[in-house]
C-alpha atoms as a PDB file:
ATOM      1  CA  MET A   1       0.038   0.307   0.103  1.00  0.00           C
ATOM      2  CA  SER A   2       1.242   3.426  -1.123  1.00  0.00           C
ATOM      3  CA  THR A   3       0.627   6.974   0.169  1.00  0.00           C
ATOM      4  CA  THR A   4       1.344   9.899  -1.677  1.00  0.00           C
ATOM      5  CA  THR A   5       1.247  13.269  -0.180  1.00  0.00           C
ATOM      6  CA  THR A   6      -0.592  16.340  -1.659  1.00  0.00           C
ATOM      7  CA  LYS A   7       2.808  18.682  -0.465  1.00  0.00           C
ATOM      8  CA  THR A   8       5.498  18.409  -3.375  1.00  0.00           C
ATOM      9  CA  GLN A   9       7.326  21.246  -2.447  1.00  0.00           C
ATOM     10  CA  THR A  10      10.931  20.498  -2.605  1.00  0.00           C
ATOM     11  CA  ILE A  11      12.704  21.363   0.049  1.00  0.00           C
ATOM     12  CA  GLU A  12      16.237  23.616  -0.831  1.00  0.00           C
ATOM     13  CA  LEU A  13      18.807  22.905   1.621  1.00  0.00           C
ATOM     14  CA  ARG A  14      22.551  24.027   1.476  1.00  0.00           C
ATOM     15  CA  LEU A  15      25.199  23.029   3.098  1.00  0.00           C
ATOM     16  CA  TYR A  16      28.540  25.505   3.971  1.00  0.00           C
ATOM     17  CA  VAL A  17      31.989  23.354   4.210  1.00  0.00           C
ATOM     18  CA  ALA A  18      34.959  24.406   4.423  1.00  0.00           C
ATOM     19  CA  GLY A  19      36.828  22.097   1.788  1.00  0.00           C
ATOM     20  CA  GLN A  20      36.794  18.037   1.515  1.00  0.00           C
ATOM     21  CA  THR A  21      37.279  17.802   5.087  1.00  0.00           C
ATOM     22  CA  PRO A  22      36.330  14.247   6.704  1.00  0.00           C
ATOM     23  CA  LYS A  23      33.423  16.113   8.675  1.00  0.00           C
ATOM     24  CA  SER A  24      32.788  17.853   5.800  1.00  0.00           C
ATOM     25  CA  LEU A  25      32.095  14.941   3.815  1.00  0.00           C
ATOM     26  CA  ALA A  26      30.656  13.071   6.442  1.00  0.00           C
ATOM     27  CA  ALA A  27      27.868  16.007   6.746  1.00  0.00           C
ATOM     28  CA  PHE A  28      27.028  15.595   2.773  1.00  0.00           C
ATOM     29  CA  ALA A  29      27.107  11.763   3.055  1.00  0.00           C
ATOM     30  CA  ASN A  30      24.410  11.449   5.718  1.00  0.00           C
ATOM     31  CA  LEU A  31      22.730  14.304   4.533  1.00  0.00           C
ATOM     32  CA  LYS A  32      22.490  12.395   0.992  1.00  0.00           C
ATOM     33  CA  ARG A  33      21.255   9.346   2.996  1.00  0.00           C
ATOM     34  CA  ILE A  34      18.853  11.386   5.669  1.00  0.00           C
ATOM     35  CA  CYS A  35      17.342  12.991   2.525  1.00  0.00           C
ATOM     36  CA  GLU A  36      16.999  10.156   0.449  1.00  0.00           C
ATOM     37  CA  THR A  37      15.018   8.099   3.177  1.00  0.00           C
ATOM     38  CA  HIS A  38      12.372  10.188   3.978  1.00  0.00           C
ATOM     39  CA  LEU A  39      12.621  13.487   1.307  1.00  0.00           C
ATOM     40  CA  ALA A  40      13.099  11.541  -2.047  1.00  0.00           C
ATOM     41  CA  GLY A  41      12.380  13.290  -4.659  1.00  0.00           C
ATOM     42  CA  GLN A  42      11.079  16.185  -2.980  1.00  0.00           C
ATOM     43  CA  TYR A  43      15.116  17.767  -2.054  1.00  0.00           C
ATOM     44  CA  ARG A  44      17.307  19.662  -3.739  1.00  0.00           C
ATOM     45  CA  ILE A  45      21.006  20.198  -2.197  1.00  0.00           C
ATOM     46  CA  GLU A  46      22.982  22.844  -2.632  1.00  0.00           C
ATOM     47  CA  VAL A  47      26.914  22.603  -1.503  1.00  0.00           C
ATOM     48  CA  ILE A  48      29.006  26.021  -0.612  1.00  0.00           C
ATOM     49  CA  ASP A  49      32.765  25.848  -0.182  1.00  0.00           C
ATOM     50  CA  LEU A  50      33.588  28.721   2.034  1.00  0.00           C
ATOM     51  CA  LEU A  51      37.394  27.792   1.122  1.00  0.00           C
ATOM     52  CA  LYS A  52      35.833  29.267  -2.908  1.00  0.00           C
ATOM     53  CA  THR A  53      33.699  31.530  -1.839  1.00  0.00           C
ATOM     54  CA  PRO A  54      33.911  32.614   1.364  1.00  0.00           C
ATOM     55  CA  GLN A  55      31.489  35.595   0.739  1.00  0.00           C
ATOM     56  CA  LEU A  56      28.536  33.501   0.510  1.00  0.00           C
ATOM     57  CA  ALA A  57      28.941  32.806   4.219  1.00  0.00           C
ATOM     58  CA  ALA A  58      27.502  36.073   5.232  1.00  0.00           C
ATOM     59  CA  GLY A  59      24.108  36.088   3.700  1.00  0.00           C
ATOM     60  CA  ASP A  60      23.057  32.732   5.933  1.00  0.00           C
ATOM     61  CA  GLN A  61      25.374  33.951   8.584  1.00  0.00           C
ATOM     62  CA  ILE A  62      27.829  31.002   8.910  1.00  0.00           C
ATOM     63  CA  LEU A  63      29.646  30.942  12.439  1.00  0.00           C
ATOM     64  CA  ALA A  64      31.141  27.236  11.468  1.00  0.00           C
ATOM     65  CA  VAL A  65      31.349  24.712   9.355  1.00  0.00           C
ATOM     66  CA  PRO A  66      29.488  21.909   8.117  1.00  0.00           C
ATOM     67  CA  THR A  67      26.427  23.993   8.568  1.00  0.00           C
ATOM     68  CA  LEU A  68      23.106  22.703   7.092  1.00  0.00           C
ATOM     69  CA  VAL A  69      20.645  25.984   6.117  1.00  0.00           C
ATOM     70  CA  ARG A  70      17.406  24.965   4.598  1.00  0.00           C
ATOM     71  CA  ARG A  71      16.121  27.580   2.632  1.00  0.00           C
ATOM     72  CA  LEU A  72      12.626  26.938   1.526  1.00  0.00           C
ATOM     73  CA  LEU A  73       9.859  26.386   3.537  1.00  0.00           C
ATOM     74  CA  GLU A  74       9.930  29.101   6.058  1.00  0.00           C
ATOM     75  CA  PRO A  75      11.382  29.603   8.871  1.00  0.00           C
ATOM     76  CA  ILE A  76      14.973  29.046   7.681  1.00  0.00           C
ATOM     77  CA  LYS A  77      16.015  26.416   9.936  1.00  0.00           C
ATOM     78  CA  LYS A  78      20.198  25.987  10.498  1.00  0.00           C
ATOM     79  CA  ILE A  79      22.208  22.783  11.955  1.00  0.00           C
ATOM     80  CA  ILE A  80      25.401  22.373  12.438  1.00  0.00           C
ATOM     81  CA  GLY A  81      27.679  19.543  12.709  1.00  0.00           C
ATOM     82  CA  ASP A  82      27.886  16.315  10.739  1.00  0.00           C
ATOM     83  CA  LEU A  83      24.916  15.509  10.588  1.00  0.00           C
ATOM     84  CA  SER A  84      25.474  12.203  12.070  1.00  0.00           C
ATOM     85  CA  ASN A  85      22.252  12.038  14.397  1.00  0.00           C
ATOM     86  CA  GLU A  86      19.454  11.664  12.244  1.00  0.00           C
ATOM     87  CA  GLU A  87      16.391  12.302  14.506  1.00  0.00           C
ATOM     88  CA  ARG A  88      18.303  15.514  15.379  1.00  0.00           C
ATOM     89  CA  VAL A  89      18.234  16.186  11.649  1.00  0.00           C
ATOM     90  CA  LEU A  90      14.568  15.519  11.100  1.00  0.00           C
ATOM     91  CA  VAL A  91      13.459  17.797  14.088  1.00  0.00           C
ATOM     92  CA  GLY A  92      16.156  20.183  12.802  1.00  0.00           C
ATOM     93  CA  LEU A  93      14.234  20.272   9.261  1.00  0.00           C
ATOM     94  CA  ASP A  94      11.159  19.965  10.059  1.00  0.00           C
ATOM     95  CA  VAL A  95      10.298  16.336   8.946  1.00  0.00           C
ATOM     96  CA  GLN A  96       8.355  13.508   9.864  1.00  0.00           C
ATOM     97  CA  PRO A  97      10.635  10.354  10.446  1.00  0.00           C
ATOM     98  CA  VAL A  98       8.640   7.820   7.749  1.00  0.00           C
ATOM     99  CA  THR A  99       7.219   4.852   9.504  1.00  0.00           C
ATOM    100  CA  ALA A 100       6.068   1.886   7.832  1.00  0.00           C
END
């Protein structure tokens, strides 16, 4: 039995990192896994490397990396860290876990 959601708005996520550090790579891998599990087809991830474009940090007031920012769907939400705690990420993004 499948359920369809009427909510098809794409969630826009920005992941701010500083180079290809283990923590940055872990944050991206964790985010991708969480999104594929809970938001399949309903998300877009933009990775911003602040070593290449440091001026972009000011727009979202980034003080630490890695930081995840949910841009679309008000209010804007931020999560700092490697995103390894799936429950914390889901709560931070206001996403309900998928229940079987």
